[in-house]
């Protein structure tokens, strides 16, 4: 099971606990005349609240959990029908790799396209599913 928080996160929380706890204890002891039980109770509450504030602040600034969705459904290219060149695959399967704008992408042959795609064949991009391009033979 992967750790929810990094070691750095725990070190920062630990340091915050020590600093906030020490300041809270010294402040409570110096400025109040509380009994030992009350002093310890208030010290624990202040330290806990300090840790919660630190954890929430850290999560807002640098989230520890990254959610990767299926990808946006819009093209990041000027012309959605842009041409690409088959680099590999598509021999026995509907999957392969294509080169577009100097980059190699994973590609899937469109369901409606029945053409044979071989290396060097120009294909037209018809859709994108996350990081996978959907291509069809250029007619």
N, C-alpha and C. Protein backbone atom coordinates (compact mmCIF):
# COMPACT_ATOMS: atom_id res chain seq x y z
N UNK A 1 0.85 -1.18 0.00
CA UNK A 1 0.00 0.00 0.00
C UNK A 1 0.89 1.25 0.00
N UNK A 2 0.69 2.15 -0.96
CA UNK A 2 1.54 3.34 -1.03
C UNK A 2 1.24 4.29 0.12
N UNK A 3 2.27 5.03 0.50
CA UNK A 3 2.11 6.02 1.56
C UNK A 3 1.25 7.17 1.07
N UNK A 4 0.36 7.63 1.91
CA UNK A 4 -0.50 8.77 1.55
C UNK A 4 0.31 10.06 1.59
N UNK A 5 1.25 10.14 2.50
CA UNK A 5 2.05 11.35 2.65
C UNK A 5 3.52 10.99 2.56
N UNK A 6 4.31 11.89 2.04
CA UNK A 6 5.74 11.65 1.87
C UNK A 6 6.47 11.79 3.20
N UNK A 7 7.71 11.36 3.20
CA UNK A 7 8.54 11.49 4.40
C UNK A 7 8.76 12.97 4.72
N UNK A 8 8.90 13.79 3.69
CA UNK A 8 9.09 15.23 3.89
C UNK A 8 7.87 15.82 4.61
N UNK A 9 6.68 15.37 4.21
CA UNK A 9 5.46 15.87 4.84
C UNK A 9 5.48 15.56 6.34
N UNK A 10 5.83 14.32 6.68
CA UNK A 10 5.87 13.93 8.09
C UNK A 10 6.95 14.70 8.86
N UNK A 11 8.09 14.99 8.23
CA UNK A 11 9.13 15.77 8.89
C UNK A 11 8.65 17.19 9.18
N UNK A 12 7.93 17.78 8.25
CA UNK A 12 7.41 19.14 8.47
C UNK A 12 6.37 19.14 9.58
N UNK A 13 5.49 18.15 9.57
CA UNK A 13 4.48 18.06 10.65
C UNK A 13 5.17 17.84 11.99
N UNK A 14 6.18 16.99 12.02
CA UNK A 14 6.92 16.76 13.27
C UNK A 14 7.60 18.02 13.78
N UNK A 15 8.24 18.76 12.88
CA UNK A 15 8.89 20.01 13.28
C UNK A 15 7.86 21.02 13.76
N UNK A 16 6.72 21.09 13.08
CA UNK A 16 5.65 22.00 13.50
C UNK A 16 5.14 21.62 14.88
N UNK A 17 4.99 20.33 15.12
CA UNK A 17 4.53 19.87 16.43
C UNK A 17 5.49 20.31 17.52
N UNK A 18 6.77 20.14 17.28
CA UNK A 18 7.76 20.53 18.30
C UNK A 18 7.76 22.04 18.54
N UNK A 19 7.77 22.82 17.46
CA UNK A 19 7.84 24.28 17.61
C UNK A 19 6.56 24.83 18.22
N UNK A 20 5.42 24.48 17.65
CA UNK A 20 4.15 24.99 18.18
C UNK A 20 3.93 24.49 19.60
N UNK A 21 4.26 23.23 19.84
CA UNK A 21 4.10 22.68 21.18
C UNK A 21 4.96 23.40 22.21
N UNK A 22 6.23 23.66 21.86
CA UNK A 22 7.13 24.35 22.79
C UNK A 22 6.67 25.78 23.05
N UNK A 23 6.31 26.49 21.99
CA UNK A 23 5.84 27.87 22.16
C UNK A 23 4.54 27.90 22.96
N UNK A 24 3.63 26.99 22.66
CA UNK A 24 2.36 26.95 23.40
C UNK A 24 2.60 26.64 24.87
N UNK A 25 3.45 25.68 25.15
CA UNK A 25 3.72 25.30 26.55
C UNK A 25 4.35 26.47 27.32
N UNK A 26 5.38 27.06 26.70
CA UNK A 26 6.05 28.18 27.39
C UNK A 26 5.11 29.37 27.55
N UNK A 27 4.31 29.65 26.52
CA UNK A 27 3.37 30.77 26.62
C UNK A 27 2.31 30.53 27.68
N UNK A 28 1.77 29.33 27.69
CA UNK A 28 0.74 29.02 28.69
C UNK A 28 1.32 29.05 30.10
N UNK A 29 2.51 28.53 30.24
CA UNK A 29 3.12 28.49 31.57
C UNK A 29 3.49 29.89 32.06
N UNK A 30 3.93 30.73 31.16
CA UNK A 30 4.38 32.07 31.53
C UNK A 30 3.21 33.02 31.78
N UNK A 31 2.19 33.00 30.90
CA UNK A 31 1.12 33.98 30.97
C UNK A 31 -0.13 33.52 31.72
N UNK A 32 -0.20 32.29 32.13
CA UNK A 32 -1.38 31.82 32.84
C UNK A 32 -0.97 31.13 34.13
N UNK A 33 -1.93 31.02 35.00
CA UNK A 33 -1.71 30.32 36.27
C UNK A 33 -2.61 29.10 36.29
N UNK A 34 -2.46 28.23 35.30
CA UNK A 34 -3.30 27.05 35.18
C UNK A 34 -2.72 25.89 35.98
N UNK A 35 -3.62 25.02 36.40
CA UNK A 35 -3.18 23.77 37.04
C UNK A 35 -2.50 22.92 35.98
N UNK A 36 -1.70 21.96 36.39
CA UNK A 36 -0.93 21.13 35.47
C UNK A 36 -1.83 20.41 34.47
N UNK A 37 -2.97 19.88 34.93
CA UNK A 37 -3.88 19.16 34.04
C UNK A 37 -4.44 20.09 32.96
N UNK A 38 -4.84 21.29 33.35
CA UNK A 38 -5.36 22.25 32.38
C UNK A 38 -4.26 22.70 31.41
N UNK A 39 -3.07 22.90 31.94
CA UNK A 39 -1.94 23.30 31.11
C UNK A 39 -1.66 22.26 30.03
N UNK A 40 -1.65 21.01 30.41
CA UNK A 40 -1.40 19.92 29.46
C UNK A 40 -2.54 19.83 28.45
N UNK A 41 -3.78 19.96 28.90
CA UNK A 41 -4.93 19.90 27.99
C UNK A 41 -4.87 21.03 26.95
N UNK A 42 -4.67 22.26 27.39
CA UNK A 42 -4.59 23.39 26.46
C UNK A 42 -3.39 23.24 25.52
N UNK A 43 -2.28 22.76 26.07
CA UNK A 43 -1.08 22.55 25.25
C UNK A 43 -1.36 21.54 24.14
N UNK A 44 -2.04 20.43 24.46
CA UNK A 44 -2.38 19.43 23.45
C UNK A 44 -3.32 20.00 22.39
N UNK A 45 -4.31 20.77 22.83
CA UNK A 45 -5.27 21.36 21.89
C UNK A 45 -4.57 22.33 20.94
N UNK A 46 -3.75 23.21 21.47
CA UNK A 46 -3.04 24.19 20.63
C UNK A 46 -2.10 23.48 19.66
N UNK A 47 -1.40 22.46 20.13
CA UNK A 47 -0.48 21.72 19.26
C UNK A 47 -1.24 21.00 18.15
N UNK A 48 -2.35 20.38 18.49
CA UNK A 48 -3.17 19.68 17.49
C UNK A 48 -3.70 20.66 16.44
N UNK A 49 -4.23 21.79 16.89
CA UNK A 49 -4.75 22.80 15.96
C UNK A 49 -3.63 23.31 15.05
N UNK A 50 -2.44 23.52 15.60
CA UNK A 50 -1.30 23.95 14.79
C UNK A 50 -0.94 22.93 13.73
N UNK A 51 -0.98 21.65 14.09
CA UNK A 51 -0.69 20.59 13.12
C UNK A 51 -1.76 20.53 12.02
N UNK A 52 -3.01 20.68 12.40
CA UNK A 52 -4.09 20.65 11.40
C UNK A 52 -3.96 21.83 10.44
N UNK A 53 -3.68 23.01 10.97
CA UNK A 53 -3.50 24.19 10.11
C UNK A 53 -2.32 23.98 9.16
N UNK A 54 -1.23 23.42 9.66
CA UNK A 54 -0.06 23.16 8.81
C UNK A 54 -0.40 22.14 7.73
N UNK A 55 -1.08 21.06 8.10
CA UNK A 55 -1.42 20.02 7.12
C UNK A 55 -2.35 20.56 6.04
N UNK A 56 -3.36 21.34 6.43
CA UNK A 56 -4.29 21.91 5.45
C UNK A 56 -3.56 22.90 4.54
N UNK A 57 -2.68 23.70 5.11
CA UNK A 57 -1.91 24.66 4.30
C UNK A 57 -1.02 23.94 3.31
N UNK A 58 -0.35 22.88 3.76
CA UNK A 58 0.53 22.13 2.86
C UNK A 58 -0.27 21.46 1.75
N UNK A 59 -1.43 20.94 2.07
CA UNK A 59 -2.26 20.28 1.06
C UNK A 59 -2.76 21.29 0.03
N UNK A 60 -3.03 22.52 0.47
CA UNK A 60 -3.48 23.55 -0.47
C UNK A 60 -2.35 24.02 -1.37
N UNK A 61 -1.15 24.12 -0.82
CA UNK A 61 -0.01 24.62 -1.59
C UNK A 61 0.57 23.53 -2.48
N UNK A 62 0.76 22.34 -1.94
CA UNK A 62 1.37 21.24 -2.70
C UNK A 62 0.62 19.96 -2.40
N UNK A 63 -0.43 19.66 -3.16
CA UNK A 63 -1.22 18.45 -2.90
C UNK A 63 -0.37 17.19 -2.94
N UNK A 64 -0.66 16.27 -2.04
CA UNK A 64 0.11 15.03 -2.00
C UNK A 64 -0.53 13.94 -2.85
N UNK A 65 -1.75 14.14 -3.26
CA UNK A 65 -2.42 13.16 -4.10
C UNK A 65 -2.72 13.80 -5.45
N UNK A 66 -2.28 13.16 -6.49
CA UNK A 66 -2.50 13.67 -7.83
C UNK A 66 -3.49 12.75 -8.52
N UNK A 67 -4.54 13.32 -9.06
CA UNK A 67 -5.55 12.55 -9.76
C UNK A 67 -5.33 12.71 -11.25
N UNK A 68 -5.15 11.62 -11.93
CA UNK A 68 -4.99 11.66 -13.37
C UNK A 68 -6.25 11.09 -13.99
N UNK A 69 -6.97 11.93 -14.66
CA UNK A 69 -8.22 11.53 -15.29
C UNK A 69 -7.98 10.94 -16.66
N UNK A 70 -9.02 10.63 -17.36
CA UNK A 70 -8.89 10.02 -18.68
C UNK A 70 -8.39 10.99 -19.74
N UNK A 71 -8.19 12.24 -19.41
CA UNK A 71 -7.70 13.21 -20.37
C UNK A 71 -8.83 14.06 -20.91
N UNK A 72 -8.43 15.21 -21.37
CA UNK A 72 -9.46 16.07 -21.94
C UNK A 72 -9.84 15.56 -23.32
N UNK A 73 -11.00 15.92 -23.76
CA UNK A 73 -11.53 15.40 -25.02
C UNK A 73 -11.32 16.37 -26.17
N UNK A 74 -10.55 17.41 -25.98
CA UNK A 74 -10.33 18.36 -27.06
C UNK A 74 -8.91 18.21 -27.57
N UNK A 75 -8.73 18.56 -28.82
CA UNK A 75 -7.41 18.48 -29.42
C UNK A 75 -6.57 19.67 -28.98
N UNK A 76 -5.29 19.43 -28.85
CA UNK A 76 -4.36 20.50 -28.56
C UNK A 76 -3.60 20.82 -29.85
N UNK A 77 -4.26 20.66 -30.95
CA UNK A 77 -3.66 20.93 -32.25
C UNK A 77 -4.59 21.85 -33.02
N UNK A 78 -4.03 22.53 -34.01
CA UNK A 78 -4.83 23.50 -34.76
C UNK A 78 -5.90 22.83 -35.61
N UNK A 79 -5.51 21.77 -36.30
CA UNK A 79 -6.42 21.10 -37.23
C UNK A 79 -6.69 19.69 -36.74
N UNK A 80 -7.91 19.37 -36.28
CA UNK A 80 -8.18 18.04 -35.75
C UNK A 80 -7.96 16.93 -36.77
N UNK A 81 -7.98 17.27 -38.04
CA UNK A 81 -7.80 16.25 -39.08
C UNK A 81 -6.35 16.23 -39.57
N UNK A 82 -5.43 16.55 -38.70
CA UNK A 82 -4.01 16.61 -39.07
C UNK A 82 -3.49 15.23 -39.44
N UNK A 83 -2.50 15.21 -40.33
CA UNK A 83 -1.92 13.95 -40.78
C UNK A 83 -0.79 13.50 -39.88
N UNK A 84 -0.68 12.19 -39.73
CA UNK A 84 0.41 11.57 -38.98
C UNK A 84 0.94 10.42 -39.83
N UNK A 85 2.09 9.88 -39.45
CA UNK A 85 2.70 8.77 -40.18
C UNK A 85 2.82 7.58 -39.24
N UNK A 86 2.40 6.41 -39.70
CA UNK A 86 2.50 5.19 -38.90
C UNK A 86 3.97 4.84 -38.72
N UNK A 87 4.37 4.61 -37.48
CA UNK A 87 5.75 4.25 -37.17
C UNK A 87 5.87 2.76 -36.92
N UNK A 88 4.94 2.20 -36.16
CA UNK A 88 5.01 0.77 -35.82
C UNK A 88 3.62 0.28 -35.44
N UNK A 89 3.49 -1.03 -35.40
CA UNK A 89 2.24 -1.64 -34.98
C UNK A 89 1.23 -1.73 -36.09
N UNK A 90 0.00 -1.95 -35.72
CA UNK A 90 -1.15 -2.08 -36.62
C UNK A 90 -1.06 -3.31 -37.51
N UNK A 91 -0.08 -4.19 -37.30
CA UNK A 91 0.05 -5.37 -38.15
C UNK A 91 -1.08 -6.36 -37.88
N UNK A 92 -1.13 -6.87 -36.65
CA UNK A 92 -2.15 -7.86 -36.29
C UNK A 92 -3.19 -7.28 -35.34
N UNK A 93 -3.02 -6.02 -34.97
CA UNK A 93 -3.93 -5.42 -33.99
C UNK A 93 -4.37 -4.05 -34.48
N UNK A 94 -5.27 -3.48 -33.75
CA UNK A 94 -5.76 -2.14 -34.10
C UNK A 94 -4.98 -1.07 -33.35
N UNK A 95 -3.87 -1.45 -32.72
CA UNK A 95 -3.05 -0.53 -31.95
C UNK A 95 -1.69 -0.38 -32.61
N UNK A 96 -1.10 0.80 -32.43
CA UNK A 96 0.24 1.02 -32.95
C UNK A 96 0.76 2.37 -32.49
N UNK A 97 1.80 2.85 -33.19
CA UNK A 97 2.41 4.13 -32.85
C UNK A 97 2.48 4.98 -34.11
N UNK A 98 2.20 6.27 -33.95
CA UNK A 98 2.27 7.20 -35.08
C UNK A 98 3.16 8.39 -34.69
N UNK A 99 3.72 9.04 -35.71
CA UNK A 99 4.54 10.22 -35.49
C UNK A 99 3.80 11.43 -36.04
N UNK A 100 3.69 12.45 -35.19
CA UNK A 100 3.04 13.70 -35.58
C UNK A 100 3.83 14.84 -34.96
N UNK A 101 4.19 15.82 -35.78
CA UNK A 101 4.96 16.98 -35.32
C UNK A 101 6.23 16.57 -34.61
N UNK A 102 6.87 15.51 -35.06
CA UNK A 102 8.13 15.08 -34.48
C UNK A 102 8.00 14.27 -33.21
N UNK A 103 6.80 13.99 -32.75
CA UNK A 103 6.58 13.22 -31.53
C UNK A 103 5.88 11.91 -31.87
N UNK A 104 6.22 10.87 -31.14
CA UNK A 104 5.59 9.56 -31.34
C UNK A 104 4.48 9.39 -30.31
N UNK A 105 3.30 9.01 -30.80
CA UNK A 105 2.13 8.82 -29.94
C UNK A 105 1.61 7.40 -30.08
N UNK A 106 0.98 6.92 -29.03
CA UNK A 106 0.25 5.66 -29.10
C UNK A 106 -1.03 5.95 -29.88
N UNK A 107 -1.41 5.03 -30.74
CA UNK A 107 -2.60 5.28 -31.57
C UNK A 107 -3.45 4.03 -31.67
N UNK A 108 -4.73 4.26 -31.92
CA UNK A 108 -5.70 3.18 -32.11
C UNK A 108 -6.43 3.46 -33.42
N UNK A 109 -6.63 2.43 -34.20
CA UNK A 109 -7.34 2.60 -35.46
C UNK A 109 -8.82 2.79 -35.19
N UNK A 110 -9.43 3.73 -35.89
CA UNK A 110 -10.85 4.03 -35.70
C UNK A 110 -11.68 2.80 -36.02
N UNK A 111 -12.78 2.64 -35.30
CA UNK A 111 -13.66 1.47 -35.47
C UNK A 111 -14.19 1.36 -36.90
N UNK A 112 -14.50 2.50 -37.51
CA UNK A 112 -15.09 2.48 -38.85
C UNK A 112 -14.05 2.28 -39.95
N UNK A 113 -12.76 2.33 -39.61
CA UNK A 113 -11.70 2.22 -40.62
C UNK A 113 -11.25 0.76 -40.71
N UNK A 114 -11.31 0.19 -41.89
CA UNK A 114 -10.91 -1.21 -42.11
C UNK A 114 -9.64 -1.32 -42.95
N UNK A 115 -9.02 -0.21 -43.28
CA UNK A 115 -7.82 -0.23 -44.13
C UNK A 115 -6.65 -0.86 -43.40
N UNK A 116 -5.71 -1.39 -44.15
CA UNK A 116 -4.49 -1.96 -43.59
C UNK A 116 -3.49 -0.83 -43.38
N UNK A 117 -3.01 -0.69 -42.16
CA UNK A 117 -2.06 0.37 -41.85
C UNK A 117 -0.67 -0.23 -41.66
N UNK A 118 0.26 0.18 -42.48
CA UNK A 118 1.64 -0.31 -42.42
C UNK A 118 2.56 0.85 -42.10
N UNK A 119 3.79 0.56 -41.68
CA UNK A 119 4.76 1.61 -41.39
C UNK A 119 4.94 2.50 -42.61
N UNK A 120 4.96 3.81 -42.37
CA UNK A 120 5.11 4.78 -43.44
C UNK A 120 3.80 5.27 -44.01
N UNK A 121 2.69 4.63 -43.68
CA UNK A 121 1.38 5.03 -44.19
C UNK A 121 0.93 6.32 -43.51
N UNK A 122 0.40 7.25 -44.30
CA UNK A 122 -0.16 8.46 -43.72
C UNK A 122 -1.57 8.18 -43.22
N UNK A 123 -1.84 8.65 -42.02
CA UNK A 123 -3.17 8.48 -41.41
C UNK A 123 -3.67 9.84 -40.96
N UNK A 124 -4.96 9.94 -40.83
CA UNK A 124 -5.58 11.19 -40.38
C UNK A 124 -6.07 10.99 -38.95
N UNK A 125 -5.80 11.96 -38.10
CA UNK A 125 -6.25 11.90 -36.71
C UNK A 125 -7.72 12.30 -36.68
N UNK A 126 -8.55 11.42 -36.13
CA UNK A 126 -9.98 11.70 -36.07
C UNK A 126 -10.48 11.99 -34.66
N UNK A 127 -9.69 11.59 -33.66
CA UNK A 127 -10.10 11.81 -32.27
C UNK A 127 -8.90 11.60 -31.38
N UNK A 128 -9.07 11.94 -30.12
CA UNK A 128 -8.04 11.65 -29.12
C UNK A 128 -8.73 11.18 -27.87
N UNK A 129 -8.24 10.09 -27.29
CA UNK A 129 -8.78 9.53 -26.06
C UNK A 129 -7.67 9.56 -25.03
N UNK A 130 -7.62 10.62 -24.23
CA UNK A 130 -6.53 10.79 -23.28
C UNK A 130 -5.24 11.00 -24.03
N UNK A 131 -4.28 10.08 -23.84
CA UNK A 131 -3.00 10.17 -24.53
C UNK A 131 -2.92 9.23 -25.72
N UNK A 132 -4.04 8.73 -26.16
CA UNK A 132 -4.09 7.84 -27.32
C UNK A 132 -4.82 8.54 -28.46
N UNK A 133 -4.17 8.59 -29.62
CA UNK A 133 -4.81 9.18 -30.80
C UNK A 133 -5.63 8.12 -31.50
N UNK A 134 -6.77 8.51 -32.04
CA UNK A 134 -7.60 7.63 -32.85
C UNK A 134 -7.37 8.06 -34.29
N UNK A 135 -6.93 7.12 -35.12
CA UNK A 135 -6.54 7.46 -36.49
C UNK A 135 -7.32 6.63 -37.50
N UNK A 136 -7.37 7.14 -38.72
CA UNK A 136 -7.99 6.43 -39.84
C UNK A 136 -7.10 6.65 -41.06
N UNK A 137 -7.13 5.70 -41.98
CA UNK A 137 -6.32 5.81 -43.19
C UNK A 137 -6.70 7.07 -43.94
N UNK A 138 -5.68 7.77 -44.45
CA UNK A 138 -5.93 8.99 -45.22
C UNK A 138 -6.39 8.60 -46.61
N UNK A 139 -7.55 9.07 -46.99
CA UNK A 139 -8.12 8.68 -48.29
C UNK A 139 -7.88 9.76 -49.31
